[in-house]
Amino acid sequence: QVQLVESGGGLVQPGGSLRLSCAASGSIFSIGAMGWYRQAPGKERELAALIYSSGYINYEDSVKGRFTISRDNAKSTVYLQMNSLKPEDTAVYYCNVVAYESGTRYDYWGQGTKVTVSS
């Protein structure tokens, strides 16, 4: 079993910055991709950023150039640095970790951290 603990959400003015963190703990065998998804009010959950174990990174178009995802494999932690935040970035952000054990894929989700961008 893997637990994910997120931190770093909050209220920020447009143009501001926030840094989200997600630490994985528990019976961690082999971690694959780590990512951040977000769900705005009344909308479906969407991918914001994803980083693979190879280091390959994928960003949703609207966050390119503003968000930076990174991971610390030694700490089993993924980060999302969010700069130049816009009101449309307001959402609950969920951490996702893909882990493998004996060839079986497991998806783990954090509890969500709320990000509000407003003046």
N, C-alpha and C. Protein backbone atom coordinates (compact mmCIF):
# COMPACT_ATOMS: atom_id res chain seq x y z
N GLN A 1 0.85 -1.20 0.00
CA GLN A 1 0.00 0.00 0.00
C GLN A 1 0.88 1.25 0.00
N VAL A 2 0.49 2.21 -0.80
CA VAL A 2 1.23 3.46 -0.92
C VAL A 2 0.34 4.61 -0.51
N GLN A 3 0.88 5.51 0.28
CA GLN A 3 0.15 6.71 0.66
C GLN A 3 0.82 7.93 0.03
N LEU A 4 -0.01 8.86 -0.42
CA LEU A 4 0.48 10.10 -1.00
C LEU A 4 0.02 11.26 -0.14
N VAL A 5 0.95 12.12 0.21
CA VAL A 5 0.62 13.29 1.01
C VAL A 5 0.99 14.54 0.22
N GLU A 6 -0.02 15.35 -0.06
CA GLU A 6 0.18 16.56 -0.84
C GLU A 6 0.26 17.77 0.07
N SER A 7 0.94 18.79 -0.40
CA SER A 7 1.00 20.05 0.33
C SER A 7 1.30 21.17 -0.65
N GLY A 8 1.01 22.40 -0.23
CA GLY A 8 1.42 23.55 -1.01
C GLY A 8 0.31 24.35 -1.66
N GLY A 9 -0.92 23.89 -1.57
CA GLY A 9 -2.01 24.65 -2.17
C GLY A 9 -2.33 25.89 -1.36
N GLY A 10 -3.25 26.70 -1.88
CA GLY A 10 -3.66 27.89 -1.17
C GLY A 10 -4.23 28.95 -2.08
N LEU A 11 -4.35 30.14 -1.54
CA LEU A 11 -4.89 31.28 -2.28
C LEU A 11 -3.73 32.17 -2.73
N VAL A 12 -3.75 32.55 -3.99
CA VAL A 12 -2.69 33.38 -4.53
C VAL A 12 -3.30 34.36 -5.53
N GLN A 13 -2.69 35.51 -5.65
CA GLN A 13 -3.18 36.49 -6.60
C GLN A 13 -2.73 36.15 -8.01
N PRO A 14 -3.45 36.61 -9.02
CA PRO A 14 -3.00 36.38 -10.40
C PRO A 14 -1.58 36.89 -10.60
N GLY A 15 -0.80 36.08 -11.30
CA GLY A 15 0.61 36.40 -11.51
C GLY A 15 1.53 35.84 -10.44
N GLY A 16 0.95 35.31 -9.39
CA GLY A 16 1.73 34.76 -8.30
C GLY A 16 2.21 33.35 -8.57
N SER A 17 2.86 32.78 -7.56
CA SER A 17 3.45 31.44 -7.68
C SER A 17 3.09 30.58 -6.48
N LEU A 18 3.03 29.29 -6.75
CA LEU A 18 2.85 28.29 -5.70
C LEU A 18 3.68 27.07 -6.07
N ARG A 19 4.08 26.32 -5.05
CA ARG A 19 4.80 25.07 -5.28
C ARG A 19 4.08 23.95 -4.57
N LEU A 20 3.65 22.97 -5.33
CA LEU A 20 2.99 21.80 -4.77
C LEU A 20 4.01 20.68 -4.57
N SER A 21 3.81 19.92 -3.51
CA SER A 21 4.65 18.75 -3.25
C SER A 21 3.77 17.55 -2.99
N CYS A 22 4.26 16.39 -3.37
CA CYS A 22 3.54 15.13 -3.13
C CYS A 22 4.57 14.07 -2.78
N ALA A 23 4.51 13.59 -1.55
CA ALA A 23 5.45 12.59 -1.07
C ALA A 23 4.77 11.24 -0.96
N ALA A 24 5.39 10.23 -1.53
CA ALA A 24 4.86 8.87 -1.47
C ALA A 24 5.56 8.09 -0.37
N SER A 25 4.80 7.32 0.36
CA SER A 25 5.39 6.49 1.41
C SER A 25 4.64 5.16 1.46
N GLY A 26 5.26 4.19 2.14
CA GLY A 26 4.63 2.88 2.24
C GLY A 26 5.44 1.83 1.50
N SER A 27 4.75 0.83 1.02
CA SER A 27 5.42 -0.29 0.33
C SER A 27 5.65 0.08 -1.13
N ILE A 28 6.70 0.86 -1.32
CA ILE A 28 7.01 1.34 -2.67
C ILE A 28 7.99 0.40 -3.33
N PHE A 29 7.62 -0.16 -4.45
CA PHE A 29 8.51 -1.06 -5.16
C PHE A 29 9.18 -0.36 -6.32
N SER A 30 8.45 -0.16 -7.35
CA SER A 30 9.00 0.49 -8.52
C SER A 30 8.03 1.58 -8.98
N ILE A 31 8.47 2.82 -8.87
CA ILE A 31 7.63 3.94 -9.28
C ILE A 31 7.89 4.27 -10.74
N GLY A 32 6.83 4.41 -11.49
CA GLY A 32 6.93 4.81 -12.89
C GLY A 32 6.68 6.29 -13.01
N ALA A 33 5.60 6.64 -13.69
CA ALA A 33 5.28 8.05 -13.89
C ALA A 33 4.71 8.68 -12.62
N MET A 34 4.99 9.96 -12.47
CA MET A 34 4.41 10.76 -11.39
C MET A 34 3.82 12.01 -12.03
N GLY A 35 2.65 12.39 -11.58
CA GLY A 35 2.03 13.52 -12.26
C GLY A 35 1.06 14.30 -11.39
N TRP A 36 0.62 15.40 -11.96
CA TRP A 36 -0.37 16.25 -11.32
C TRP A 36 -1.56 16.41 -12.27
N TYR A 37 -2.73 16.15 -11.74
CA TYR A 37 -3.98 16.36 -12.45
C TYR A 37 -4.74 17.46 -11.72
N ARG A 38 -5.67 18.07 -12.42
CA ARG A 38 -6.45 19.11 -11.75
C ARG A 38 -7.90 19.04 -12.20
N GLN A 39 -8.77 19.46 -11.30
CA GLN A 39 -10.20 19.45 -11.59
C GLN A 39 -10.79 20.77 -11.14
N ALA A 40 -11.21 21.55 -12.12
CA ALA A 40 -11.85 22.83 -11.84
C ALA A 40 -13.34 22.59 -11.56
N PRO A 41 -13.98 23.51 -10.87
CA PRO A 41 -15.41 23.35 -10.56
C PRO A 41 -16.23 23.15 -11.82
N GLY A 42 -17.04 22.11 -11.83
CA GLY A 42 -17.90 21.84 -12.97
C GLY A 42 -17.21 21.23 -14.17
N LYS A 43 -15.94 20.89 -14.03
CA LYS A 43 -15.20 20.32 -15.16
C LYS A 43 -14.63 18.96 -14.80
N GLU A 44 -14.22 18.24 -15.84
CA GLU A 44 -13.62 16.94 -15.62
C GLU A 44 -12.15 17.10 -15.20
N ARG A 45 -11.65 16.07 -14.55
CA ARG A 45 -10.24 16.07 -14.16
C ARG A 45 -9.39 15.99 -15.42
N GLU A 46 -8.31 16.78 -15.45
CA GLU A 46 -7.42 16.78 -16.60
C GLU A 46 -5.97 16.73 -16.14
N LEU A 47 -5.13 16.24 -17.03
CA LEU A 47 -3.71 16.19 -16.75
C LEU A 47 -3.13 17.59 -16.83
N ALA A 48 -2.32 17.97 -15.82
CA ALA A 48 -1.60 19.23 -15.87
C ALA A 48 -0.15 18.98 -16.29
N ALA A 49 0.49 18.01 -15.66
CA ALA A 49 1.88 17.72 -15.97
C ALA A 49 2.21 16.30 -15.53
N LEU A 50 3.12 15.67 -16.27
CA LEU A 50 3.49 14.29 -16.01
C LEU A 50 4.98 14.13 -16.23
N ILE A 51 5.63 13.42 -15.34
CA ILE A 51 7.05 13.13 -15.52
C ILE A 51 7.27 11.64 -15.37
N TYR A 52 7.91 11.06 -16.38
CA TYR A 52 8.17 9.62 -16.38
C TYR A 52 9.48 9.33 -15.65
N SER A 53 9.68 8.07 -15.32
CA SER A 53 10.91 7.67 -14.63
C SER A 53 12.13 7.93 -15.50
N SER A 54 11.94 8.00 -16.83
CA SER A 54 13.04 8.29 -17.75
C SER A 54 13.41 9.76 -17.72
N GLY A 55 12.53 10.58 -17.16
CA GLY A 55 12.74 12.02 -17.16
C GLY A 55 11.93 12.75 -18.21
N TYR A 56 11.29 12.00 -19.09
CA TYR A 56 10.45 12.62 -20.11
C TYR A 56 9.28 13.32 -19.44
N ILE A 57 8.95 14.51 -19.92
CA ILE A 57 7.92 15.34 -19.31
C ILE A 57 6.85 15.71 -20.34
N ASN A 58 5.63 15.73 -19.86
CA ASN A 58 4.51 16.13 -20.71
C ASN A 58 3.68 17.16 -19.96
N TYR A 59 3.37 18.27 -20.63
CA TYR A 59 2.56 19.33 -20.03
C TYR A 59 1.28 19.53 -20.83
N GLU A 60 0.23 19.87 -20.13
CA GLU A 60 -0.99 20.31 -20.79
C GLU A 60 -0.68 21.67 -21.44
N ASP A 61 -1.23 21.92 -22.60
CA ASP A 61 -0.85 23.10 -23.37
C ASP A 61 -0.97 24.41 -22.60
N SER A 62 -2.01 24.56 -21.82
CA SER A 62 -2.25 25.85 -21.16
C SER A 62 -1.25 26.16 -20.05
N VAL A 63 -0.49 25.17 -19.60
CA VAL A 63 0.47 25.41 -18.51
C VAL A 63 1.91 25.45 -18.99
N LYS A 64 2.13 25.14 -20.26
CA LYS A 64 3.49 25.15 -20.80
C LYS A 64 4.12 26.53 -20.65
N GLY A 65 5.36 26.54 -20.17
CA GLY A 65 6.06 27.80 -19.97
C GLY A 65 5.80 28.46 -18.63
N ARG A 66 4.79 27.94 -17.91
CA ARG A 66 4.46 28.52 -16.60
C ARG A 66 4.65 27.52 -15.46
N PHE A 67 4.37 26.26 -15.73
CA PHE A 67 4.50 25.21 -14.70
C PHE A 67 5.74 24.38 -14.99
N THR A 68 6.38 23.91 -13.91
CA THR A 68 7.52 23.03 -14.04
C THR A 68 7.34 21.85 -13.08
N ILE A 69 7.36 20.65 -13.64
CA ILE A 69 7.26 19.45 -12.82
C ILE A 69 8.65 18.86 -12.64
N SER A 70 8.89 18.33 -11.44
CA SER A 70 10.18 17.69 -11.17
C SER A 70 9.94 16.58 -10.15
N ARG A 71 10.91 15.71 -10.02
CA ARG A 71 10.79 14.62 -9.06
C ARG A 71 12.13 14.35 -8.39
N ASP A 72 12.04 13.91 -7.16
CA ASP A 72 13.21 13.48 -6.39
C ASP A 72 13.00 12.01 -6.08
N ASN A 73 13.65 11.16 -6.83
CA ASN A 73 13.43 9.72 -6.69
C ASN A 73 13.88 9.20 -5.33
N ALA A 74 14.91 9.78 -4.78
CA ALA A 74 15.40 9.35 -3.46
C ALA A 74 14.36 9.60 -2.37
N LYS A 75 13.56 10.63 -2.57
CA LYS A 75 12.52 10.98 -1.59
C LYS A 75 11.13 10.53 -2.04
N SER A 76 11.04 9.91 -3.22
CA SER A 76 9.75 9.49 -3.77
C SER A 76 8.76 10.65 -3.76
N THR A 77 9.24 11.79 -4.21
CA THR A 77 8.46 13.02 -4.16
C THR A 77 8.41 13.68 -5.53
N VAL A 78 7.25 14.21 -5.85
CA VAL A 78 7.07 14.96 -7.09
C VAL A 78 6.63 16.37 -6.73
N TYR A 79 7.12 17.32 -7.49
CA TYR A 79 6.84 18.73 -7.24
C TYR A 79 6.19 19.36 -8.47
N LEU A 80 5.43 20.42 -8.24
CA LEU A 80 4.90 21.21 -9.34
C LEU A 80 5.09 22.68 -8.98
N GLN A 81 6.02 23.33 -9.66
CA GLN A 81 6.23 24.75 -9.48
C GLN A 81 5.32 25.47 -10.46
N MET A 82 4.46 26.31 -9.92
CA MET A 82 3.47 27.01 -10.73
C MET A 82 3.74 28.51 -10.67
N ASN A 83 4.09 29.09 -11.79
CA ASN A 83 4.37 30.52 -11.89
C ASN A 83 3.35 31.19 -12.79
N SER A 84 3.29 32.50 -12.70
CA SER A 84 2.38 33.29 -13.55
C SER A 84 0.96 32.72 -13.51
N LEU A 85 0.50 32.44 -12.32
CA LEU A 85 -0.80 31.80 -12.17
C LEU A 85 -1.93 32.69 -12.66
N LYS A 86 -2.94 32.04 -13.23
CA LYS A 86 -4.09 32.73 -13.78
C LYS A 86 -5.35 32.24 -13.06
N PRO A 87 -6.41 33.03 -13.07
CA PRO A 87 -7.66 32.58 -12.43
C PRO A 87 -8.13 31.22 -12.97
N GLU A 88 -7.88 30.96 -14.24
CA GLU A 88 -8.32 29.68 -14.82
C GLU A 88 -7.50 28.49 -14.33
N ASP A 89 -6.45 28.74 -13.57
CA ASP A 89 -5.70 27.64 -12.94
C ASP A 89 -6.36 27.19 -11.64
N THR A 90 -7.38 27.91 -11.22
CA THR A 90 -8.09 27.54 -10.00
C THR A 90 -8.70 26.15 -10.14
N ALA A 91 -8.34 25.27 -9.21
CA ALA A 91 -8.79 23.87 -9.27
C ALA A 91 -8.28 23.14 -8.04
N VAL A 92 -8.79 21.94 -7.88
CA VAL A 92 -8.19 21.01 -6.92
C VAL A 92 -7.14 20.21 -7.69
N TYR A 93 -5.95 20.20 -7.17
CA TYR A 93 -4.83 19.51 -7.82
C TYR A 93 -4.58 18.18 -7.12
N TYR A 94 -4.52 17.13 -7.92
CA TYR A 94 -4.34 15.78 -7.40
C TYR A 94 -3.02 15.20 -7.89
N CYS A 95 -2.29 14.64 -6.97
CA CYS A 95 -1.05 13.94 -7.31
C CYS A 95 -1.40 12.51 -7.73
N ASN A 96 -0.71 12.02 -8.73
CA ASN A 96 -0.89 10.64 -9.19
C ASN A 96 0.46 9.96 -9.30
N VAL A 97 0.56 8.77 -8.78
CA VAL A 97 1.79 7.98 -8.87
C VAL A 97 1.45 6.61 -9.42
N VAL A 98 2.20 6.20 -10.43
CA VAL A 98 2.05 4.86 -11.00
C VAL A 98 3.18 4.00 -10.46
N ALA A 99 2.83 2.87 -9.86
CA ALA A 99 3.83 1.97 -9.31
C ALA A 99 3.62 0.58 -9.89
N TYR A 100 4.69 -0.18 -9.93
CA TYR A 100 4.64 -1.53 -10.48
C TYR A 100 5.17 -2.52 -9.44
N GLU A 101 4.47 -3.64 -9.34
CA GLU A 101 4.89 -4.71 -8.46
C GLU A 101 4.59 -6.03 -9.13
N SER A 102 5.64 -6.81 -9.36
CA SER A 102 5.49 -8.11 -10.03
C SER A 102 4.74 -7.98 -11.35
N GLY A 103 5.04 -6.89 -12.06
CA GLY A 103 4.45 -6.70 -13.37
C GLY A 103 3.06 -6.13 -13.37
N THR A 104 2.50 -5.87 -12.20
CA THR A 104 1.15 -5.31 -12.11
C THR A 104 1.25 -3.81 -11.86
N ARG A 105 0.43 -3.07 -12.59
CA ARG A 105 0.42 -1.61 -12.44
C ARG A 105 -0.59 -1.21 -11.38
N TYR A 106 -0.17 -0.26 -10.53
CA TYR A 106 -1.06 0.31 -9.53
C TYR A 106 -1.04 1.82 -9.69
N ASP A 107 -2.23 2.42 -9.62
CA ASP A 107 -2.36 3.87 -9.66
C ASP A 107 -2.76 4.37 -8.28
N TYR A 108 -2.03 5.34 -7.79
CA TYR A 108 -2.33 5.92 -6.47
C TYR A 108 -2.62 7.41 -6.64
N TRP A 109 -3.58 7.88 -5.83
CA TRP A 109 -3.99 9.29 -5.90
C TRP A 109 -3.87 9.96 -4.53
N GLY A 110 -3.45 11.21 -4.57
CA GLY A 110 -3.45 12.01 -3.35
C GLY A 110 -4.85 12.49 -3.02
N GLN A 111 -4.97 13.13 -1.88
CA GLN A 111 -6.29 13.58 -1.42
C GLN A 111 -6.74 14.86 -2.11
N GLY A 112 -5.82 15.52 -2.79
CA GLY A 112 -6.14 16.77 -3.47
C GLY A 112 -5.77 17.97 -2.63
N THR A 113 -5.27 18.98 -3.30
CA THR A 113 -4.96 20.24 -2.62
C THR A 113 -5.54 21.37 -3.47
N LYS A 114 -6.24 22.27 -2.81
CA LYS A 114 -6.97 23.31 -3.53
C LYS A 114 -6.07 24.50 -3.84
N VAL A 115 -6.14 24.93 -5.08
CA VAL A 115 -5.42 26.12 -5.53
C VAL A 115 -6.45 27.14 -6.01
N THR A 116 -6.44 28.30 -5.42
CA THR A 116 -7.36 29.37 -5.81
C THR A 116 -6.54 30.57 -6.25
N VAL A 117 -6.79 31.01 -7.47
CA VAL A 117 -6.10 32.18 -8.01
C VAL A 117 -7.13 33.29 -8.16
N SER A 118 -7.01 34.29 -7.31
CA SER A 118 -8.01 35.35 -7.29
C SER A 118 -7.43 36.61 -6.65
N SER A 119 -7.91 37.74 -7.12
CA SER A 119 -7.49 39.01 -6.52
C SER A 119 -8.48 39.43 -5.45
